[in-house]
Amino acid sequence: MAPAVGRTPYARRRRPRWLAVVFVLLLVVPVLEIAAIVAVGKVIGGWQTLVLLLVESALGAWLVRREGARAWKALTTALNTGQMPSRQLADAALVLVGGTLLLAPGFLTDIVGFFFILPFTRPIARTALEAVVAKRLLGGIFGAGGRGGPGGPGGPQQGGPDVVEGEVL
C-alpha cells in the first residue's frame, strides 16, 4: 500500500489542538484549586473551608437537579411541538458541564460550574458557546471571505456545484 500523497511513511500524526489544551488544563487546574483552597483556609480556617466546600457541593447538587429538570422539560416541550431545540440543547449541555464542574472539589471549578448553571448567567455562557460552535462549524464553509464574501451566501459561486431548482413532493 502506497503512502498518502505528500506524506512519508514515517510522518508523525499531529494531535488536535484541543487535546493539548485539555492536557494542560488537567495539569494546571488541580494546582490552582489546591492553591485556592489553601489560601481560603489561611484566611477563614481549615474547618470553615471544609464546611464551605460541603455547602457549595450541596447547593450545587440541588441547583443541578432543579435546572437539569427545567432544561429537560424545555427540551421535551420543544421536541413535542416541532420546534428546533437549539437553545434547549445548549442549556442542557451547559447544565451537564456545570454539574460536572461542581462535582470536582474546589472553588475555581465551582465558580465556573455555577456560571454555567445559574439561570441568570447561563444566557451569557450560551452566547459564548454558540459563538464557538458557529466559528468551528461555519469557519470552513464560508472560507476566508467570511459571510457574504466570495463563495459565501450572497457572493458569487466559484466552481461550486450546479443548482437545480425543483419542487419536493
N, C-alpha and C. Protein backbone atom coordinates (compact mmCIF):
# COMPACT_ATOMS: atom_id res chain seq x y z
N MET A 1 0.86 -1.18 0.00
CA MET A 1 0.00 0.00 0.00
C MET A 1 0.89 1.23 0.00
N ALA A 2 0.65 2.14 -0.91
CA ALA A 2 1.46 3.34 -1.05
C ALA A 2 1.04 4.38 -0.02
N PRO A 3 2.00 5.16 0.48
CA PRO A 3 1.64 6.21 1.44
C PRO A 3 0.83 7.31 0.77
N ALA A 4 0.12 8.05 1.57
CA ALA A 4 -0.70 9.14 1.06
C ALA A 4 0.19 10.19 0.40
N VAL A 5 -0.37 10.89 -0.56
CA VAL A 5 0.39 11.89 -1.29
C VAL A 5 0.88 12.97 -0.33
N GLY A 6 2.16 13.29 -0.44
CA GLY A 6 2.71 14.36 0.38
C GLY A 6 3.11 13.93 1.78
N ARG A 7 2.95 12.65 2.09
CA ARG A 7 3.32 12.17 3.43
C ARG A 7 4.33 11.06 3.30
N THR A 8 5.30 11.07 4.17
CA THR A 8 6.24 9.97 4.20
C THR A 8 5.69 8.90 5.12
N PRO A 9 6.15 7.68 4.98
CA PRO A 9 5.62 6.63 5.86
C PRO A 9 5.95 6.88 7.33
N TYR A 10 6.95 7.74 7.60
CA TYR A 10 7.36 7.98 8.97
C TYR A 10 6.83 9.31 9.52
N ALA A 11 5.96 9.95 8.77
CA ALA A 11 5.42 11.24 9.22
C ALA A 11 4.59 11.03 10.48
N ARG A 12 4.78 11.93 11.43
CA ARG A 12 4.03 11.84 12.69
C ARG A 12 2.68 12.49 12.52
N ARG A 13 1.68 11.88 13.12
CA ARG A 13 0.33 12.45 13.10
C ARG A 13 0.28 13.60 14.07
N ARG A 14 -0.32 14.70 13.63
CA ARG A 14 -0.50 15.85 14.52
C ARG A 14 -1.70 15.61 15.41
N ARG A 15 -1.53 15.87 16.68
CA ARG A 15 -2.66 15.76 17.60
C ARG A 15 -3.47 17.03 17.50
N PRO A 16 -4.76 16.93 17.70
CA PRO A 16 -5.59 18.14 17.67
C PRO A 16 -5.18 19.11 18.78
N ARG A 17 -5.38 20.40 18.51
CA ARG A 17 -5.00 21.42 19.48
C ARG A 17 -5.78 21.28 20.77
N TRP A 18 -7.06 20.88 20.70
CA TRP A 18 -7.87 20.78 21.91
C TRP A 18 -7.32 19.72 22.85
N LEU A 19 -6.65 18.71 22.30
CA LEU A 19 -6.06 17.68 23.14
C LEU A 19 -4.94 18.27 24.00
N ALA A 20 -4.15 19.15 23.43
CA ALA A 20 -3.09 19.81 24.19
C ALA A 20 -3.69 20.72 25.26
N VAL A 21 -4.77 21.42 24.92
CA VAL A 21 -5.42 22.30 25.88
C VAL A 21 -5.97 21.49 27.06
N VAL A 22 -6.61 20.37 26.77
CA VAL A 22 -7.15 19.51 27.83
C VAL A 22 -6.03 18.98 28.70
N PHE A 23 -4.94 18.58 28.09
CA PHE A 23 -3.79 18.08 28.85
C PHE A 23 -3.25 19.14 29.81
N VAL A 24 -3.09 20.36 29.32
CA VAL A 24 -2.59 21.45 30.17
C VAL A 24 -3.58 21.76 31.28
N LEU A 25 -4.88 21.78 30.94
CA LEU A 25 -5.89 22.06 31.96
C LEU A 25 -5.89 20.98 33.05
N LEU A 26 -5.69 19.72 32.65
CA LEU A 26 -5.65 18.65 33.65
C LEU A 26 -4.44 18.78 34.57
N LEU A 27 -3.42 19.45 34.12
CA LEU A 27 -2.26 19.67 34.98
C LEU A 27 -2.40 20.96 35.80
N VAL A 28 -2.92 22.01 35.20
CA VAL A 28 -2.93 23.33 35.84
C VAL A 28 -4.09 23.49 36.81
N VAL A 29 -5.28 23.05 36.44
CA VAL A 29 -6.47 23.29 37.26
C VAL A 29 -6.34 22.69 38.66
N PRO A 30 -5.89 21.44 38.82
CA PRO A 30 -5.76 20.93 40.20
C PRO A 30 -4.77 21.73 41.04
N VAL A 31 -3.69 22.20 40.44
CA VAL A 31 -2.71 23.00 41.19
C VAL A 31 -3.36 24.32 41.63
N LEU A 32 -4.10 24.96 40.72
CA LEU A 32 -4.79 26.20 41.07
C LEU A 32 -5.86 25.97 42.13
N GLU A 33 -6.57 24.85 42.05
CA GLU A 33 -7.59 24.53 43.05
C GLU A 33 -6.97 24.35 44.44
N ILE A 34 -5.89 23.62 44.50
CA ILE A 34 -5.22 23.41 45.79
C ILE A 34 -4.73 24.73 46.35
N ALA A 35 -4.16 25.57 45.49
CA ALA A 35 -3.67 26.88 45.95
C ALA A 35 -4.83 27.73 46.47
N ALA A 36 -5.98 27.68 45.78
CA ALA A 36 -7.14 28.47 46.22
C ALA A 36 -7.67 27.94 47.55
N ILE A 37 -7.74 26.63 47.70
CA ILE A 37 -8.23 26.04 48.95
C ILE A 37 -7.30 26.40 50.11
N VAL A 38 -6.00 26.33 49.87
CA VAL A 38 -5.04 26.68 50.92
C VAL A 38 -5.16 28.15 51.28
N ALA A 39 -5.31 29.01 50.26
CA ALA A 39 -5.42 30.45 50.52
C ALA A 39 -6.69 30.76 51.31
N VAL A 40 -7.82 30.14 50.95
CA VAL A 40 -9.06 30.36 51.69
C VAL A 40 -8.93 29.80 53.10
N GLY A 41 -8.27 28.65 53.22
CA GLY A 41 -8.06 28.06 54.54
C GLY A 41 -7.22 28.94 55.45
N LYS A 42 -6.24 29.63 54.90
CA LYS A 42 -5.42 30.54 55.71
C LYS A 42 -6.23 31.74 56.18
N VAL A 43 -7.21 32.16 55.38
CA VAL A 43 -7.99 33.35 55.72
C VAL A 43 -9.10 33.01 56.72
N ILE A 44 -9.87 31.94 56.45
CA ILE A 44 -11.03 31.66 57.31
C ILE A 44 -10.84 30.45 58.21
N GLY A 45 -9.79 29.66 58.02
CA GLY A 45 -9.57 28.49 58.85
C GLY A 45 -9.87 27.20 58.08
N GLY A 46 -9.27 26.13 58.54
CA GLY A 46 -9.39 24.84 57.87
C GLY A 46 -10.78 24.23 57.91
N TRP A 47 -11.38 24.17 59.12
CA TRP A 47 -12.72 23.58 59.25
C TRP A 47 -13.77 24.40 58.52
N GLN A 48 -13.64 25.71 58.59
CA GLN A 48 -14.60 26.58 57.90
C GLN A 48 -14.49 26.40 56.38
N THR A 49 -13.27 26.19 55.90
CA THR A 49 -13.08 25.95 54.47
C THR A 49 -13.73 24.63 54.07
N LEU A 50 -13.56 23.60 54.90
CA LEU A 50 -14.18 22.31 54.61
C LEU A 50 -15.70 22.44 54.61
N VAL A 51 -16.26 23.14 55.57
CA VAL A 51 -17.72 23.35 55.63
C VAL A 51 -18.19 24.14 54.41
N LEU A 52 -17.43 25.15 54.01
CA LEU A 52 -17.80 25.95 52.84
C LEU A 52 -17.80 25.07 51.57
N LEU A 53 -16.82 24.21 51.43
CA LEU A 53 -16.78 23.30 50.27
C LEU A 53 -17.98 22.35 50.28
N LEU A 54 -18.35 21.85 51.47
CA LEU A 54 -19.51 20.95 51.56
C LEU A 54 -20.81 21.68 51.26
N VAL A 55 -20.95 22.91 51.75
CA VAL A 55 -22.16 23.70 51.48
C VAL A 55 -22.25 24.01 49.98
N GLU A 56 -21.11 24.38 49.37
CA GLU A 56 -21.10 24.62 47.93
C GLU A 56 -21.53 23.38 47.16
N SER A 57 -21.05 22.23 47.56
CA SER A 57 -21.40 20.98 46.89
C SER A 57 -22.89 20.68 47.02
N ALA A 58 -23.43 20.86 48.23
CA ALA A 58 -24.86 20.60 48.43
C ALA A 58 -25.72 21.58 47.63
N LEU A 59 -25.35 22.85 47.65
CA LEU A 59 -26.08 23.85 46.87
C LEU A 59 -25.98 23.54 45.38
N GLY A 60 -24.80 23.15 44.93
CA GLY A 60 -24.61 22.80 43.52
C GLY A 60 -25.43 21.60 43.12
N ALA A 61 -25.49 20.57 43.97
CA ALA A 61 -26.29 19.38 43.64
C ALA A 61 -27.76 19.74 43.54
N TRP A 62 -28.26 20.56 44.47
CA TRP A 62 -29.66 20.97 44.41
C TRP A 62 -29.94 21.78 43.15
N LEU A 63 -29.04 22.70 42.82
CA LEU A 63 -29.22 23.55 41.65
C LEU A 63 -29.14 22.75 40.35
N VAL A 64 -28.22 21.80 40.28
CA VAL A 64 -28.11 20.96 39.08
C VAL A 64 -29.39 20.15 38.89
N ARG A 65 -29.91 19.63 39.98
CA ARG A 65 -31.15 18.84 39.88
C ARG A 65 -32.30 19.72 39.39
N ARG A 66 -32.43 20.92 39.96
CA ARG A 66 -33.52 21.82 39.57
C ARG A 66 -33.38 22.31 38.13
N GLU A 67 -32.21 22.81 37.77
CA GLU A 67 -32.00 23.35 36.43
C GLU A 67 -31.94 22.25 35.38
N GLY A 68 -31.45 21.08 35.76
CA GLY A 68 -31.46 19.95 34.83
C GLY A 68 -32.88 19.52 34.49
N ALA A 69 -33.76 19.51 35.50
CA ALA A 69 -35.16 19.17 35.25
C ALA A 69 -35.83 20.22 34.37
N ARG A 70 -35.52 21.49 34.61
CA ARG A 70 -36.07 22.57 33.76
C ARG A 70 -35.58 22.44 32.32
N ALA A 71 -34.29 22.18 32.15
CA ALA A 71 -33.72 22.05 30.80
C ALA A 71 -34.33 20.85 30.08
N TRP A 72 -34.52 19.74 30.80
CA TRP A 72 -35.13 18.54 30.20
C TRP A 72 -36.57 18.81 29.78
N LYS A 73 -37.32 19.49 30.66
CA LYS A 73 -38.71 19.81 30.33
C LYS A 73 -38.79 20.73 29.12
N ALA A 74 -37.93 21.73 29.05
CA ALA A 74 -37.93 22.64 27.90
C ALA A 74 -37.54 21.91 26.62
N LEU A 75 -36.61 20.98 26.72
CA LEU A 75 -36.18 20.21 25.56
C LEU A 75 -37.30 19.32 25.05
N THR A 76 -37.97 18.60 25.95
CA THR A 76 -39.05 17.73 25.51
C THR A 76 -40.23 18.53 24.97
N THR A 77 -40.50 19.69 25.55
CA THR A 77 -41.57 20.55 25.05
C THR A 77 -41.26 21.02 23.63
N ALA A 78 -40.02 21.44 23.40
CA ALA A 78 -39.63 21.90 22.07
C ALA A 78 -39.72 20.77 21.05
N LEU A 79 -39.30 19.58 21.44
CA LEU A 79 -39.37 18.45 20.52
C LEU A 79 -40.82 18.05 20.23
N ASN A 80 -41.66 18.08 21.25
CA ASN A 80 -43.06 17.70 21.06
C ASN A 80 -43.83 18.71 20.23
N THR A 81 -43.42 19.98 20.25
CA THR A 81 -44.11 20.99 19.47
C THR A 81 -43.49 21.18 18.09
N GLY A 82 -42.46 20.44 17.78
CA GLY A 82 -41.84 20.51 16.46
C GLY A 82 -40.88 21.67 16.28
N GLN A 83 -40.48 22.32 17.36
CA GLN A 83 -39.52 23.43 17.26
C GLN A 83 -38.11 22.88 17.20
N MET A 84 -37.22 23.70 16.65
CA MET A 84 -35.81 23.34 16.64
C MET A 84 -35.25 23.63 18.04
N PRO A 85 -34.76 22.61 18.77
CA PRO A 85 -34.38 22.79 20.18
C PRO A 85 -32.94 23.24 20.37
N SER A 86 -32.46 24.19 19.60
CA SER A 86 -31.05 24.58 19.72
C SER A 86 -30.75 25.23 21.07
N ARG A 87 -31.60 26.16 21.50
CA ARG A 87 -31.37 26.81 22.80
C ARG A 87 -31.47 25.80 23.93
N GLN A 88 -32.45 24.92 23.83
CA GLN A 88 -32.66 23.93 24.89
C GLN A 88 -31.50 22.94 24.96
N LEU A 89 -30.96 22.55 23.79
CA LEU A 89 -29.81 21.65 23.79
C LEU A 89 -28.58 22.33 24.37
N ALA A 90 -28.40 23.61 24.05
CA ALA A 90 -27.27 24.35 24.61
C ALA A 90 -27.41 24.46 26.13
N ASP A 91 -28.63 24.74 26.60
CA ASP A 91 -28.85 24.82 28.04
C ASP A 91 -28.57 23.47 28.72
N ALA A 92 -29.04 22.39 28.10
CA ALA A 92 -28.81 21.06 28.68
C ALA A 92 -27.32 20.75 28.73
N ALA A 93 -26.59 21.10 27.68
CA ALA A 93 -25.14 20.86 27.67
C ALA A 93 -24.45 21.69 28.74
N LEU A 94 -24.86 22.95 28.90
CA LEU A 94 -24.24 23.79 29.91
C LEU A 94 -24.54 23.29 31.32
N VAL A 95 -25.77 22.82 31.56
CA VAL A 95 -26.10 22.26 32.87
C VAL A 95 -25.27 21.00 33.13
N LEU A 96 -25.09 20.18 32.11
CA LEU A 96 -24.29 18.96 32.26
C LEU A 96 -22.83 19.29 32.58
N VAL A 97 -22.25 20.21 31.83
CA VAL A 97 -20.86 20.59 32.08
C VAL A 97 -20.73 21.29 33.43
N GLY A 98 -21.67 22.19 33.73
CA GLY A 98 -21.64 22.87 35.02
C GLY A 98 -21.76 21.90 36.18
N GLY A 99 -22.64 20.91 36.06
CA GLY A 99 -22.78 19.91 37.11
C GLY A 99 -21.52 19.09 37.28
N THR A 100 -20.86 18.77 36.18
CA THR A 100 -19.60 18.03 36.26
C THR A 100 -18.53 18.86 36.96
N LEU A 101 -18.48 20.15 36.65
CA LEU A 101 -17.51 21.02 37.32
C LEU A 101 -17.82 21.16 38.81
N LEU A 102 -19.10 21.16 39.16
CA LEU A 102 -19.46 21.26 40.58
C LEU A 102 -19.12 19.99 41.35
N LEU A 103 -19.01 18.86 40.65
CA LEU A 103 -18.61 17.62 41.32
C LEU A 103 -17.15 17.65 41.75
N ALA A 104 -16.33 18.38 41.01
CA ALA A 104 -14.91 18.47 41.36
C ALA A 104 -14.75 19.36 42.60
N PRO A 105 -14.04 18.89 43.60
CA PRO A 105 -13.88 19.71 44.80
C PRO A 105 -12.97 20.90 44.52
N GLY A 106 -13.42 22.07 44.89
CA GLY A 106 -12.61 23.26 44.71
C GLY A 106 -13.47 24.47 44.44
N PHE A 107 -12.86 25.63 44.61
CA PHE A 107 -13.60 26.88 44.47
C PHE A 107 -13.64 27.36 43.02
N LEU A 108 -12.56 27.19 42.30
CA LEU A 108 -12.49 27.72 40.93
C LEU A 108 -13.43 26.97 39.99
N THR A 109 -13.43 25.64 40.06
CA THR A 109 -14.35 24.88 39.21
C THR A 109 -15.80 25.13 39.63
N ASP A 110 -16.03 25.36 40.92
CA ASP A 110 -17.39 25.67 41.37
C ASP A 110 -17.87 27.01 40.82
N ILE A 111 -16.98 27.99 40.74
CA ILE A 111 -17.36 29.29 40.19
C ILE A 111 -17.79 29.14 38.73
N VAL A 112 -16.99 28.42 37.95
CA VAL A 112 -17.33 28.20 36.54
C VAL A 112 -18.59 27.35 36.42
N GLY A 113 -18.72 26.33 37.27
CA GLY A 113 -19.91 25.49 37.25
C GLY A 113 -21.18 26.27 37.56
N PHE A 114 -21.13 27.12 38.58
CA PHE A 114 -22.29 27.95 38.91
C PHE A 114 -22.60 28.92 37.78
N PHE A 115 -21.56 29.44 37.11
CA PHE A 115 -21.77 30.35 35.98
C PHE A 115 -22.53 29.65 34.86
N PHE A 116 -22.23 28.37 34.63
CA PHE A 116 -22.92 27.61 33.58
C PHE A 116 -24.34 27.23 33.98
N ILE A 117 -24.62 27.10 35.27
CA ILE A 117 -25.91 26.56 35.72
C ILE A 117 -26.91 27.63 36.09
N LEU A 118 -26.48 28.70 36.73
CA LEU A 118 -27.43 29.70 37.22
C LEU A 118 -28.25 30.28 36.06
N PRO A 119 -29.57 30.41 36.25
CA PRO A 119 -30.42 30.86 35.15
C PRO A 119 -30.11 32.27 34.64
N PHE A 120 -29.54 33.13 35.48
CA PHE A 120 -29.27 34.50 35.03
C PHE A 120 -27.87 34.65 34.41
N THR A 121 -26.98 33.67 34.56
CA THR A 121 -25.68 33.73 33.91
C THR A 121 -25.58 32.77 32.72
N ARG A 122 -26.46 31.79 32.66
CA ARG A 122 -26.41 30.81 31.57
C ARG A 122 -26.59 31.43 30.19
N PRO A 123 -27.44 32.45 30.01
CA PRO A 123 -27.52 33.06 28.67
C PRO A 123 -26.19 33.62 28.17
N ILE A 124 -25.37 34.14 29.08
CA ILE A 124 -24.05 34.64 28.68
C ILE A 124 -23.18 33.47 28.22
N ALA A 125 -23.19 32.38 28.99
CA ALA A 125 -22.42 31.20 28.63
C ALA A 125 -22.96 30.59 27.33
N ARG A 126 -24.28 30.60 27.15
CA ARG A 126 -24.89 30.06 25.92
C ARG A 126 -24.45 30.86 24.71
N THR A 127 -24.40 32.19 24.84
CA THR A 127 -23.96 33.03 23.73
C THR A 127 -22.51 32.72 23.36
N ALA A 128 -21.66 32.55 24.36
CA ALA A 128 -20.26 32.20 24.10
C ALA A 128 -20.17 30.82 23.45
N LEU A 129 -20.96 29.86 23.93
CA LEU A 129 -20.96 28.52 23.35
C LEU A 129 -21.42 28.56 21.90
N GLU A 130 -22.47 29.31 21.61
CA GLU A 130 -22.97 29.42 20.24
C GLU A 130 -21.92 30.06 19.33
N ALA A 131 -21.19 31.06 19.83
CA ALA A 131 -20.15 31.70 19.02
C ALA A 131 -19.02 30.72 18.70
N VAL A 132 -18.63 29.91 19.70
CA VAL A 132 -17.57 28.94 19.48
C VAL A 132 -18.02 27.88 18.47
N VAL A 133 -19.24 27.38 18.63
CA VAL A 133 -19.75 26.36 17.72
C VAL A 133 -19.89 26.93 16.32
N ALA A 134 -20.40 28.15 16.19
CA ALA A 134 -20.56 28.75 14.86
C ALA A 134 -19.20 28.95 14.20
N LYS A 135 -18.23 29.41 14.96
CA LYS A 135 -16.89 29.60 14.39
C LYS A 135 -16.30 28.27 13.94
N ARG A 136 -16.50 27.27 14.77
CA ARG A 136 -15.92 25.95 14.49
C ARG A 136 -16.61 25.29 13.29
N LEU A 137 -17.94 25.35 13.25
CA LEU A 137 -18.68 24.68 12.18
C LEU A 137 -18.71 25.48 10.89
N LEU A 138 -18.91 26.77 10.99
CA LEU A 138 -19.10 27.58 9.80
C LEU A 138 -17.81 28.19 9.28
N GLY A 139 -16.73 28.08 10.03
CA GLY A 139 -15.46 28.66 9.61
C GLY A 139 -14.97 28.07 8.30
N GLY A 140 -15.10 26.76 8.12
CA GLY A 140 -14.64 26.12 6.90
C GLY A 140 -15.62 26.26 5.75
N ILE A 141 -16.88 26.54 6.04
CA ILE A 141 -17.88 26.63 4.98
C ILE A 141 -17.74 27.92 4.21
N PHE A 142 -17.55 29.02 4.93
CA PHE A 142 -17.55 30.32 4.28
C PHE A 142 -16.16 30.75 3.86
N GLY A 143 -15.14 30.04 4.27
CA GLY A 143 -13.79 30.34 3.82
C GLY A 143 -13.26 31.63 4.42
N ALA A 144 -12.22 32.15 3.82
CA ALA A 144 -11.56 33.34 4.34
C ALA A 144 -12.40 34.59 4.12
N GLY A 145 -13.30 34.55 3.16
CA GLY A 145 -14.11 35.72 2.87
C GLY A 145 -15.16 36.00 3.91
N GLY A 146 -15.46 35.03 4.77
CA GLY A 146 -16.49 35.22 5.78
C GLY A 146 -17.87 35.23 5.17
N ARG A 147 -18.86 35.61 5.93
CA ARG A 147 -20.23 35.65 5.42
C ARG A 147 -20.36 36.73 4.36
N GLY A 148 -20.99 36.37 3.29
CA GLY A 148 -21.25 37.32 2.23
C GLY A 148 -20.06 37.54 1.31
N GLY A 149 -18.93 36.92 1.59
CA GLY A 149 -17.75 37.08 0.74
C GLY A 149 -17.85 36.15 -0.45
N PRO A 150 -16.81 36.09 -1.26
CA PRO A 150 -16.83 35.19 -2.41
C PRO A 150 -17.01 33.75 -1.96
N GLY A 151 -17.96 33.10 -2.54
CA GLY A 151 -18.24 31.72 -2.19
C GLY A 151 -19.18 31.58 -1.02
N GLY A 152 -19.49 32.67 -0.36
CA GLY A 152 -20.40 32.62 0.78
C GLY A 152 -21.80 32.98 0.35
N PRO A 153 -22.74 33.06 1.31
CA PRO A 153 -24.09 33.41 0.94
C PRO A 153 -24.13 34.84 0.39
N GLY A 154 -24.73 35.01 -0.74
CA GLY A 154 -24.85 36.32 -1.34
C GLY A 154 -23.68 36.66 -2.24
N GLY A 155 -22.63 35.88 -2.21
CA GLY A 155 -21.46 36.14 -3.05
C GLY A 155 -21.47 35.24 -4.27
N PRO A 156 -20.64 35.53 -5.25
CA PRO A 156 -20.61 34.71 -6.45
C PRO A 156 -20.03 33.34 -6.14
N GLN A 157 -20.58 32.33 -6.77
CA GLN A 157 -20.08 30.97 -6.59
C GLN A 157 -18.83 30.79 -7.44
N GLN A 158 -17.83 30.16 -6.87
CA GLN A 158 -16.60 29.91 -7.61
C GLN A 158 -16.41 28.41 -7.71
N GLY A 159 -16.77 27.87 -8.84
CA GLY A 159 -16.55 26.46 -9.08
C GLY A 159 -17.41 25.56 -8.22
N GLY A 160 -18.51 26.05 -7.70
CA GLY A 160 -19.39 25.25 -6.86
C GLY A 160 -20.27 24.36 -7.71
N PRO A 161 -21.03 23.49 -7.06
CA PRO A 161 -21.92 22.59 -7.82
C PRO A 161 -23.06 23.38 -8.44
N ASP A 162 -23.57 22.84 -9.55
CA ASP A 162 -24.73 23.46 -10.19
C ASP A 162 -25.95 23.30 -9.33
N VAL A 163 -26.81 24.31 -9.35
CA VAL A 163 -28.04 24.29 -8.56
C VAL A 163 -29.18 23.94 -9.49
N VAL A 164 -29.93 22.93 -9.13
CA VAL A 164 -31.09 22.52 -9.92
C VAL A 164 -32.31 22.85 -9.11
N GLU A 165 -33.13 23.77 -9.64
CA GLU A 165 -34.35 24.14 -8.93
C GLU A 165 -35.40 23.08 -9.19
N GLY A 166 -36.22 22.84 -8.16
CA GLY A 166 -37.28 21.85 -8.29
C GLY A 166 -38.24 21.97 -7.15
N GLU A 167 -39.17 21.05 -7.11
CA GLU A 167 -40.18 21.05 -6.07
C GLU A 167 -40.19 19.69 -5.40
N VAL A 168 -40.22 19.69 -4.06
CA VAL A 168 -40.26 18.46 -3.30
C VAL A 168 -41.70 18.12 -3.03
N LEU A 169 -42.10 16.92 -3.39
CA LEU A 169 -43.47 16.49 -3.18
C LEU A 169 -43.59 15.64 -1.95
